[in-house]
Amino acid sequence: MAEKISVYVDEKLHRALKATAVQQGKSLSQFMVDAAIRALHAPDRKALASAMDAFRESQEEYFSRKELLEMREDGRRY
């Protein structure tokens, strides 16, 4: 049996959620259920950090923090 959940949000957030749901061709209810399911199955912060550490260790090149910040700033200029 399905359960009902009521969530109260301000009008601006409600309009934004509803507009996004419509853009995806979904009802607001279905959009929110899909968002909740994605959130439940998303990896947590610790798992993401562990995956990033493993990826970094697998890379042959090493960039210092300073080099990474410079690359990020270069990317923002273009």
C-alpha atoms as a PDB file:
ATOM      1  CA  MET A   1       0.000   0.000   0.000  1.00  0.00           C
ATOM      2  CA  ALA A   2       1.322   3.441  -0.905  1.00  0.00           C
ATOM      3  CA  GLU A   3       1.891   6.043   1.773  1.00  0.00           C
ATOM      4  CA  LYS A   4       1.285   9.774   1.447  1.00  0.00           C
ATOM      5  CA  ILE A   5       3.895  12.325   2.445  1.00  0.00           C
ATOM      6  CA  SER A   6       3.160  16.050   2.633  1.00  0.00           C
ATOM      7  CA  VAL A   7       5.992  18.548   2.422  1.00  0.00           C
ATOM      8  CA  TYR A   8       5.482  22.264   2.825  1.00  0.00           C
ATOM      9  CA  VAL A   9       7.764  24.545   0.803  1.00  0.00           C
ATOM     10  CA  ASP A  10       7.642  28.221  -0.039  1.00  0.00           C
ATOM     11  CA  GLU A  11       5.845  29.298  -3.186  1.00  0.00           C
ATOM     12  CA  LYS A  12       9.017  30.123  -5.130  1.00  0.00           C
ATOM     13  CA  LEU A  13      10.511  26.654  -4.549  1.00  0.00           C
ATOM     14  CA  HIS A  14       7.172  25.020  -5.395  1.00  0.00           C
ATOM     15  CA  ARG A  15       7.002  26.862  -8.727  1.00  0.00           C
ATOM     16  CA  ALA A  16      10.616  25.926  -9.550  1.00  0.00           C
ATOM     17  CA  LEU A  17      10.014  22.248  -8.733  1.00  0.00           C
ATOM     18  CA  LYS A  18       6.777  22.164 -10.692  1.00  0.00           C
ATOM     19  CA  ALA A  19       8.368  23.858 -13.718  1.00  0.00           C
ATOM     20  CA  THR A  20      11.245  21.370 -13.707  1.00  0.00           C
ATOM     21  CA  ALA A  21       8.809  18.469 -13.450  1.00  0.00           C
ATOM     22  CA  VAL A  22       6.819  19.788 -16.415  1.00  0.00           C
ATOM     23  CA  GLN A  23      10.011  20.190 -18.471  1.00  0.00           C
ATOM     24  CA  GLN A  24      10.724  16.511 -17.835  1.00  0.00           C
ATOM     25  CA  GLY A  25       7.172  15.508 -18.734  1.00  0.00           C
ATOM     26  CA  LYS A  26       6.337  14.361 -15.204  1.00  0.00           C
ATOM     27  CA  SER A  27       3.849  15.248 -12.550  1.00  0.00           C
ATOM     28  CA  LEU A  28       5.253  17.022  -9.519  1.00  0.00           C
ATOM     29  CA  SER A  29       4.563  13.906  -7.447  1.00  0.00           C
ATOM     30  CA  GLN A  30       6.459  11.626  -9.822  1.00  0.00           C
ATOM     31  CA  PHE A  31       9.315  14.129 -10.075  1.00  0.00           C
ATOM     32  CA  MET A  32       9.645  14.207  -6.270  1.00  0.00           C
ATOM     33  CA  VAL A  33       9.462  10.399  -5.966  1.00  0.00           C
ATOM     34  CA  ASP A  34      12.201  10.064  -8.615  1.00  0.00           C
ATOM     35  CA  ALA A  35      14.337  12.657  -6.801  1.00  0.00           C
ATOM     36  CA  ALA A  36      13.917  10.834  -3.500  1.00  0.00           C
ATOM     37  CA  ILE A  37      14.901   7.496  -5.064  1.00  0.00           C
ATOM     38  CA  ARG A  38      17.996   9.087  -6.659  1.00  0.00           C
ATOM     39  CA  ALA A  39      18.962  10.579  -3.291  1.00  0.00           C
ATOM     40  CA  LEU A  40      18.577   7.216  -1.558  1.00  0.00           C
ATOM     41  CA  HIS A  41      20.797   5.459  -4.085  1.00  0.00           C
ATOM     42  CA  ALA A  42      23.405   8.192  -4.458  1.00  0.00           C
ATOM     43  CA  PRO A  43      26.794   7.404  -2.958  1.00  0.00           C
ATOM     44  CA  ASP A  44      27.506   9.184   0.275  1.00  0.00           C
ATOM     45  CA  ARG A  45      30.307  11.692   0.718  1.00  0.00           C
ATOM     46  CA  LYS A  46      32.708   9.132   2.185  1.00  0.00           C
ATOM     47  CA  ALA A  47      32.213   6.741  -0.756  1.00  0.00           C
ATOM     48  CA  LEU A  48      32.745   9.576  -3.243  1.00  0.00           C
ATOM     49  CA  ALA A  49      35.941  10.678  -1.477  1.00  0.00           C
ATOM     50  CA  SER A  50      37.222   7.108  -1.522  1.00  0.00           C
ATOM     51  CA  ALA A  51      36.490   6.811  -5.257  1.00  0.00           C
ATOM     52  CA  MET A  52      38.288  10.093  -5.951  1.00  0.00           C
ATOM     53  CA  ASP A  53      41.320   8.950  -3.941  1.00  0.00           C
ATOM     54  CA  ALA A  54      41.456   5.698  -5.908  1.00  0.00           C
ATOM     55  CA  PHE A  55      41.205   7.619  -9.179  1.00  0.00           C
ATOM     56  CA  ARG A  56      43.981  10.026  -8.191  1.00  0.00           C
ATOM     57  CA  GLU A  57      46.246   7.135  -7.251  1.00  0.00           C
ATOM     58  CA  SER A  58      45.631   5.497 -10.632  1.00  0.00           C
ATOM     59  CA  GLN A  59      46.844   8.575 -12.525  1.00  0.00           C
ATOM     60  CA  GLU A  60      50.455   8.721 -13.661  1.00  0.00           C
ATOM     61  CA  GLU A  61      50.667  12.515 -13.719  1.00  0.00           C
ATOM     62  CA  TYR A  62      50.804  14.574 -10.566  1.00  0.00           C
ATOM     63  CA  PHE A  63      49.659  18.161 -10.274  1.00  0.00           C
ATOM     64  CA  SER A  64      50.374  20.287  -7.240  1.00  0.00           C
ATOM     65  CA  ARG A  65      47.571  22.171  -5.522  1.00  0.00           C
ATOM     66  CA  LYS A  66      48.917  25.389  -7.025  1.00  0.00           C
ATOM     67  CA  GLU A  67      48.890  23.925 -10.547  1.00  0.00           C
ATOM     68  CA  LEU A  68      45.314  22.693 -10.108  1.00  0.00           C
ATOM     69  CA  LEU A  69      44.168  26.117  -8.915  1.00  0.00           C
ATOM     70  CA  GLU A  70      45.876  27.782 -11.886  1.00  0.00           C
ATOM     71  CA  MET A  71      44.193  25.364 -14.318  1.00  0.00           C
ATOM     72  CA  ARG A  72      40.834  26.066 -12.696  1.00  0.00           C
ATOM     73  CA  GLU A  73      41.333  29.812 -13.013  1.00  0.00           C
ATOM     74  CA  ASP A  74      42.419  29.426 -16.646  1.00  0.00           C
ATOM     75  CA  GLY A  75      39.238  27.495 -17.359  1.00  0.00           C
ATOM     76  CA  ARG A  76      37.094  30.229 -15.807  1.00  0.00           C
ATOM     77  CA  ARG A  77      38.575  32.881 -18.080  1.00  0.00           C
ATOM     78  CA  TYR A  78      37.343  31.186 -21.259  1.00  0.00           C
END
